[in-house]
Amino acid sequence: MPADLAAFFTRLAADPEAAAKGRQAGVVLQFRLLEPSSFVVIDLTAEPFGVGTEEHGSPDVEITLSWATADRILRGEISVGDAARTHAAQARGGFLKLLALQGFLEVAKARYGAR
């Protein structure tokens, strides 16, 4: 579950398209996962981008959601916006930083569905 998510993003760091989109975004994204409580932090400011499981003190963007909701978003079943509107997820961070993540998240969703 959360470890699977961290492992997925760790493998994704070797993907040239994901790395390029990550560099363009240039933010620290933190997933605050519920059920069980854990963190997956993706540091897109580093090259190659880093993935960790310790809480980041000041991520640029934080998305709080359950593992099941994260899985549905990455499968493309729902968008982050839809999850936020239905209160299945909460996003915190600047609007422009959230927008900057779109390209990276699209690549992540494509690779997640193909795994």
N, C-alpha and C. Protein backbone atom coordinates (compact mmCIF):
# COMPACT_ATOMS: atom_id res chain seq x y z
N MET A 1 0.82 -1.18 0.00
CA MET A 1 0.00 0.00 0.00
C MET A 1 0.87 1.26 0.00
N PRO A 2 1.08 1.96 1.15
CA PRO A 2 1.95 3.14 1.07
C PRO A 2 3.36 2.79 0.59
N ALA A 3 3.88 1.64 1.03
CA ALA A 3 5.21 1.22 0.57
C ALA A 3 5.18 0.96 -0.94
N ASP A 4 4.06 0.42 -1.44
CA ASP A 4 3.92 0.20 -2.88
C ASP A 4 3.95 1.52 -3.64
N LEU A 5 3.32 2.54 -3.07
CA LEU A 5 3.29 3.86 -3.70
C LEU A 5 4.69 4.47 -3.74
N ALA A 6 5.41 4.35 -2.65
CA ALA A 6 6.79 4.85 -2.61
C ALA A 6 7.66 4.09 -3.61
N ALA A 7 7.49 2.78 -3.70
CA ALA A 7 8.27 1.98 -4.64
C ALA A 7 7.93 2.35 -6.08
N PHE A 8 6.66 2.60 -6.36
CA PHE A 8 6.26 3.01 -7.70
C PHE A 8 6.96 4.31 -8.09
N PHE A 9 6.93 5.33 -7.22
CA PHE A 9 7.55 6.61 -7.55
C PHE A 9 9.07 6.49 -7.61
N THR A 10 9.66 5.59 -6.83
CA THR A 10 11.10 5.37 -6.90
C THR A 10 11.46 4.81 -8.29
N ARG A 11 10.68 3.85 -8.78
CA ARG A 11 10.92 3.31 -10.13
C ARG A 11 10.67 4.39 -11.19
N LEU A 12 9.67 5.23 -10.95
CA LEU A 12 9.33 6.27 -11.91
C LEU A 12 10.46 7.28 -12.09
N ALA A 13 11.31 7.44 -11.08
CA ALA A 13 12.43 8.39 -11.16
C ALA A 13 13.37 8.04 -12.31
N ALA A 14 13.40 6.79 -12.74
CA ALA A 14 14.27 6.37 -13.84
C ALA A 14 13.62 6.58 -15.21
N ASP A 15 12.37 6.98 -15.23
CA ASP A 15 11.64 7.20 -16.49
C ASP A 15 12.01 8.58 -17.04
N PRO A 16 12.57 8.66 -18.24
CA PRO A 16 13.01 9.96 -18.78
C PRO A 16 11.90 11.00 -18.89
N GLU A 17 10.71 10.58 -19.31
CA GLU A 17 9.61 11.54 -19.44
C GLU A 17 9.15 12.04 -18.07
N ALA A 18 9.06 11.13 -17.10
CA ALA A 18 8.68 11.54 -15.75
C ALA A 18 9.72 12.47 -15.15
N ALA A 19 11.00 12.15 -15.38
CA ALA A 19 12.08 13.00 -14.87
C ALA A 19 12.00 14.40 -15.46
N ALA A 20 11.72 14.49 -16.77
CA ALA A 20 11.62 15.80 -17.42
C ALA A 20 10.44 16.59 -16.88
N LYS A 21 9.30 15.94 -16.73
CA LYS A 21 8.11 16.63 -16.20
C LYS A 21 8.33 17.01 -14.74
N GLY A 22 9.03 16.17 -14.00
CA GLY A 22 9.35 16.49 -12.61
C GLY A 22 10.22 17.72 -12.51
N ARG A 23 11.25 17.80 -13.37
CA ARG A 23 12.13 18.99 -13.39
C ARG A 23 11.33 20.24 -13.70
N GLN A 24 10.39 20.14 -14.64
CA GLN A 24 9.55 21.29 -14.98
C GLN A 24 8.71 21.73 -13.80
N ALA A 25 8.18 20.77 -13.05
CA ALA A 25 7.34 21.11 -11.89
C ALA A 25 8.19 21.75 -10.79
N GLY A 26 9.32 21.12 -10.48
CA GLY A 26 10.26 21.67 -9.51
C GLY A 26 9.69 21.95 -8.13
N VAL A 27 8.85 21.05 -7.63
CA VAL A 27 8.25 21.23 -6.30
C VAL A 27 8.46 19.98 -5.45
N VAL A 28 8.20 20.12 -4.17
CA VAL A 28 8.18 18.98 -3.26
C VAL A 28 6.72 18.63 -3.03
N LEU A 29 6.34 17.42 -3.43
CA LEU A 29 4.97 16.92 -3.29
C LEU A 29 4.95 15.91 -2.15
N GLN A 30 4.03 16.12 -1.22
CA GLN A 30 3.89 15.17 -0.12
C GLN A 30 2.48 14.59 -0.13
N PHE A 31 2.40 13.27 -0.20
CA PHE A 31 1.14 12.58 0.00
C PHE A 31 1.06 12.23 1.47
N ARG A 32 0.06 12.74 2.15
CA ARG A 32 -0.21 12.37 3.54
C ARG A 32 -1.32 11.32 3.46
N LEU A 33 -0.93 10.07 3.65
CA LEU A 33 -1.87 8.96 3.50
C LEU A 33 -2.51 8.61 4.83
N LEU A 34 -3.80 8.35 4.75
CA LEU A 34 -4.58 7.91 5.91
C LEU A 34 -4.82 6.41 5.77
N GLU A 35 -5.11 5.75 6.84
CA GLU A 35 -5.51 4.34 6.80
C GLU A 35 -4.50 3.45 6.10
N PRO A 36 -3.35 3.17 6.51
CA PRO A 36 -2.68 3.63 7.73
C PRO A 36 -1.99 4.97 7.50
N SER A 37 -1.76 5.67 8.57
CA SER A 37 -1.13 6.98 8.50
C SER A 37 0.33 6.83 8.07
N SER A 38 0.68 7.50 6.96
CA SER A 38 2.04 7.44 6.45
C SER A 38 2.25 8.58 5.46
N PHE A 39 3.47 8.69 4.96
CA PHE A 39 3.83 9.75 4.03
C PHE A 39 4.59 9.16 2.85
N VAL A 40 4.37 9.76 1.69
CA VAL A 40 5.22 9.53 0.53
C VAL A 40 5.57 10.93 0.03
N VAL A 41 6.86 11.23 0.02
CA VAL A 41 7.34 12.56 -0.37
C VAL A 41 8.15 12.41 -1.65
N ILE A 42 7.80 13.24 -2.63
CA ILE A 42 8.49 13.23 -3.92
C ILE A 42 9.13 14.60 -4.08
N ASP A 43 10.45 14.62 -4.07
CA ASP A 43 11.19 15.87 -4.18
C ASP A 43 11.58 16.08 -5.64
N LEU A 44 10.77 16.85 -6.35
CA LEU A 44 10.99 17.10 -7.76
C LEU A 44 11.97 18.24 -7.99
N THR A 45 12.58 18.75 -6.91
CA THR A 45 13.62 19.78 -7.05
C THR A 45 14.98 19.14 -7.26
N ALA A 46 15.10 17.85 -6.97
CA ALA A 46 16.36 17.12 -7.10
C ALA A 46 16.39 16.41 -8.45
N GLU A 47 17.61 16.08 -8.89
CA GLU A 47 17.75 15.34 -10.14
C GLU A 47 18.73 14.20 -9.94
N PRO A 48 18.34 12.94 -10.04
CA PRO A 48 16.96 12.52 -10.28
C PRO A 48 16.11 12.82 -9.05
N PHE A 49 14.80 12.87 -9.27
CA PHE A 49 13.96 13.24 -8.13
C PHE A 49 14.00 12.16 -7.06
N GLY A 50 13.86 12.64 -5.83
CA GLY A 50 13.95 11.74 -4.69
C GLY A 50 12.59 11.35 -4.16
N VAL A 51 12.53 10.18 -3.54
CA VAL A 51 11.29 9.67 -2.95
C VAL A 51 11.61 9.23 -1.54
N GLY A 52 10.79 9.66 -0.59
CA GLY A 52 11.00 9.27 0.80
C GLY A 52 9.68 8.98 1.49
N THR A 53 9.78 8.49 2.71
CA THR A 53 8.58 8.14 3.48
C THR A 53 8.52 8.85 4.83
N GLU A 54 9.41 9.81 5.02
CA GLU A 54 9.39 10.60 6.25
C GLU A 54 8.67 11.92 5.97
N GLU A 55 7.91 12.41 6.94
CA GLU A 55 7.19 13.67 6.76
C GLU A 55 8.16 14.80 6.42
N HIS A 56 7.79 15.59 5.42
CA HIS A 56 8.59 16.75 5.02
C HIS A 56 8.09 17.95 5.81
N GLY A 57 9.01 18.76 6.31
CA GLY A 57 8.63 19.91 7.12
C GLY A 57 7.88 21.00 6.39
N SER A 58 8.18 21.19 5.11
CA SER A 58 7.53 22.27 4.37
C SER A 58 7.39 21.93 2.89
N PRO A 59 6.52 20.96 2.58
CA PRO A 59 6.32 20.62 1.17
C PRO A 59 5.64 21.79 0.44
N ASP A 60 5.90 21.89 -0.85
CA ASP A 60 5.22 22.91 -1.65
C ASP A 60 3.75 22.57 -1.83
N VAL A 61 3.48 21.28 -1.98
CA VAL A 61 2.11 20.79 -2.16
C VAL A 61 1.94 19.56 -1.28
N GLU A 62 0.82 19.52 -0.57
CA GLU A 62 0.50 18.33 0.23
C GLU A 62 -0.91 17.89 -0.13
N ILE A 63 -1.05 16.61 -0.42
CA ILE A 63 -2.35 16.02 -0.70
C ILE A 63 -2.62 14.98 0.37
N THR A 64 -3.71 15.18 1.12
CA THR A 64 -4.10 14.26 2.18
C THR A 64 -5.25 13.41 1.65
N LEU A 65 -5.06 12.09 1.71
CA LEU A 65 -6.06 11.19 1.16
C LEU A 65 -5.80 9.77 1.66
N SER A 66 -6.77 8.90 1.44
CA SER A 66 -6.58 7.49 1.79
C SER A 66 -5.79 6.80 0.68
N TRP A 67 -5.23 5.63 1.02
CA TRP A 67 -4.53 4.84 0.02
C TRP A 67 -5.48 4.49 -1.12
N ALA A 68 -6.73 4.14 -0.81
CA ALA A 68 -7.69 3.77 -1.86
C ALA A 68 -7.94 4.93 -2.81
N THR A 69 -8.04 6.14 -2.30
CA THR A 69 -8.24 7.31 -3.15
C THR A 69 -7.00 7.58 -4.00
N ALA A 70 -5.82 7.45 -3.41
CA ALA A 70 -4.57 7.62 -4.18
C ALA A 70 -4.53 6.62 -5.33
N ASP A 71 -4.89 5.39 -5.05
CA ASP A 71 -4.90 4.35 -6.07
C ASP A 71 -5.89 4.69 -7.18
N ARG A 72 -7.07 5.17 -6.83
CA ARG A 72 -8.08 5.55 -7.83
C ARG A 72 -7.61 6.73 -8.68
N ILE A 73 -6.93 7.70 -8.07
CA ILE A 73 -6.41 8.85 -8.83
C ILE A 73 -5.35 8.37 -9.81
N LEU A 74 -4.42 7.54 -9.35
CA LEU A 74 -3.35 7.07 -10.23
C LEU A 74 -3.85 6.12 -11.32
N ARG A 75 -4.95 5.46 -11.08
CA ARG A 75 -5.56 4.61 -12.11
C ARG A 75 -6.35 5.45 -13.12
N GLY A 76 -6.54 6.73 -12.80
CA GLY A 76 -7.30 7.61 -13.70
C GLY A 76 -8.80 7.51 -13.52
N GLU A 77 -9.23 6.87 -12.44
CA GLU A 77 -10.67 6.73 -12.19
C GLU A 77 -11.30 8.04 -11.74
N ILE A 78 -10.53 8.85 -11.01
CA ILE A 78 -10.98 10.17 -10.57
C ILE A 78 -9.79 11.12 -10.64
N SER A 79 -10.08 12.39 -10.75
CA SER A 79 -9.00 13.39 -10.76
C SER A 79 -8.78 13.90 -9.33
N VAL A 80 -7.66 14.57 -9.12
CA VAL A 80 -7.41 15.18 -7.82
C VAL A 80 -8.51 16.19 -7.52
N GLY A 81 -8.93 16.95 -8.54
CA GLY A 81 -10.01 17.93 -8.37
C GLY A 81 -11.31 17.29 -7.94
N ASP A 82 -11.66 16.17 -8.59
CA ASP A 82 -12.89 15.46 -8.22
C ASP A 82 -12.80 14.93 -6.79
N ALA A 83 -11.63 14.40 -6.44
CA ALA A 83 -11.44 13.88 -5.08
C ALA A 83 -11.56 15.01 -4.06
N ALA A 84 -11.04 16.19 -4.39
CA ALA A 84 -11.14 17.33 -3.48
C ALA A 84 -12.59 17.80 -3.35
N ARG A 85 -13.30 17.85 -4.49
CA ARG A 85 -14.70 18.30 -4.45
C ARG A 85 -15.58 17.38 -3.62
N THR A 86 -15.28 16.09 -3.60
CA THR A 86 -16.08 15.13 -2.84
C THR A 86 -15.51 14.90 -1.44
N HIS A 87 -14.50 15.67 -1.09
CA HIS A 87 -13.83 15.60 0.22
C HIS A 87 -13.11 14.27 0.47
N ALA A 88 -12.79 13.56 -0.62
CA ALA A 88 -11.99 12.34 -0.50
C ALA A 88 -10.51 12.68 -0.40
N ALA A 89 -10.16 13.91 -0.77
CA ALA A 89 -8.77 14.37 -0.68
C ALA A 89 -8.78 15.86 -0.37
N GLN A 90 -7.73 16.29 0.29
CA GLN A 90 -7.53 17.72 0.56
C GLN A 90 -6.16 18.09 0.04
N ALA A 91 -6.10 19.18 -0.72
CA ALA A 91 -4.83 19.64 -1.27
C ALA A 91 -4.47 20.96 -0.60
N ARG A 92 -3.19 21.10 -0.28
CA ARG A 92 -2.68 22.32 0.32
C ARG A 92 -1.44 22.73 -0.46
N GLY A 93 -1.38 23.99 -0.80
CA GLY A 93 -0.23 24.52 -1.54
C GLY A 93 -0.70 25.59 -2.49
N GLY A 94 0.22 26.30 -3.06
CA GLY A 94 -0.12 27.35 -3.99
C GLY A 94 -0.76 26.81 -5.26
N PHE A 95 -1.71 27.55 -5.79
CA PHE A 95 -2.43 27.13 -6.99
C PHE A 95 -1.48 26.88 -8.15
N LEU A 96 -0.51 27.78 -8.35
CA LEU A 96 0.43 27.61 -9.46
C LEU A 96 1.31 26.38 -9.27
N LYS A 97 1.63 26.05 -8.03
CA LYS A 97 2.43 24.85 -7.77
C LYS A 97 1.61 23.59 -8.04
N LEU A 98 0.32 23.65 -7.69
CA LEU A 98 -0.56 22.52 -8.01
C LEU A 98 -0.66 22.33 -9.53
N LEU A 99 -0.80 23.43 -10.25
CA LEU A 99 -0.87 23.35 -11.70
C LEU A 99 0.43 22.82 -12.30
N ALA A 100 1.56 23.20 -11.72
CA ALA A 100 2.86 22.76 -12.22
C ALA A 100 3.00 21.24 -12.15
N LEU A 101 2.27 20.60 -11.27
CA LEU A 101 2.36 19.14 -11.11
C LEU A 101 1.57 18.36 -12.15
N GLN A 102 0.72 19.02 -12.89
CA GLN A 102 -0.18 18.30 -13.79
C GLN A 102 0.56 17.40 -14.79
N GLY A 103 1.59 17.91 -15.43
CA GLY A 103 2.33 17.10 -16.40
C GLY A 103 2.96 15.87 -15.76
N PHE A 104 3.56 16.07 -14.59
CA PHE A 104 4.19 14.96 -13.88
C PHE A 104 3.14 13.91 -13.48
N LEU A 105 2.01 14.38 -12.95
CA LEU A 105 0.98 13.44 -12.52
C LEU A 105 0.35 12.70 -13.70
N GLU A 106 0.26 13.34 -14.86
CA GLU A 106 -0.26 12.65 -16.04
C GLU A 106 0.66 11.51 -16.45
N VAL A 107 1.96 11.74 -16.43
CA VAL A 107 2.92 10.68 -16.75
C VAL A 107 2.82 9.57 -15.69
N ALA A 108 2.73 9.96 -14.42
CA ALA A 108 2.62 8.97 -13.34
C ALA A 108 1.38 8.11 -13.54
N LYS A 109 0.26 8.71 -13.89
CA LYS A 109 -0.97 7.95 -14.10
C LYS A 109 -0.81 6.98 -15.27
N ALA A 110 -0.20 7.42 -16.35
CA ALA A 110 0.00 6.54 -17.51
C ALA A 110 0.87 5.34 -17.15
N ARG A 111 1.94 5.59 -16.39
CA ARG A 111 2.84 4.49 -16.02
C ARG A 111 2.21 3.58 -14.97
N TYR A 112 1.42 4.15 -14.09
CA TYR A 112 0.77 3.37 -13.02
C TYR A 112 -0.22 2.38 -13.63
N GLY A 113 -0.99 2.85 -14.62
CA GLY A 113 -1.97 1.99 -15.25
C GLY A 113 -1.33 0.89 -16.09
N ALA A 114 -0.11 1.14 -16.57
CA ALA A 114 0.57 0.17 -17.42
C ALA A 114 1.38 -0.85 -16.64
N ARG A 115 1.47 -0.69 -15.35
CA ARG A 115 2.33 -1.60 -14.57
C ARG A 115 1.69 -2.94 -14.35
